[in-house]
């Protein structure tokens, strides 16, 4: 043996490195909203992430905005979003979100993020 201590992996730890320092760890197992660089909006339960900030969402749905038809919710189920495509990640207040009638909301789709 080289004299180095072995480090046992903690199976409950879901992320490390950049993703932890950006604040994703406290959001694991909570409902979040993700806006991607191409202007899409996803809502789901954050199940995990990795050092590249790739996120795994369960019970995920995409909310597609339209100025005439309202908001369409596309059910996606388990979904992975690449970390390099994340623009904004935020916690969803489930009580407030459940009271919103998305069919009455009219809005133009978000434009892509320009870096």
Foldseek 3Di string as FASTA:
>chain_A
DPPDDDDDDDPVDFEDAPLVVVPCVVQAQAWKWWQWQQQWIKIFHFPGAYNQRWTWGAQMWTWAAAQPFFTDTHGDGIDIDGSVGTDDMGGDPVVVVVPDDRRPDHDHGGHGHDD
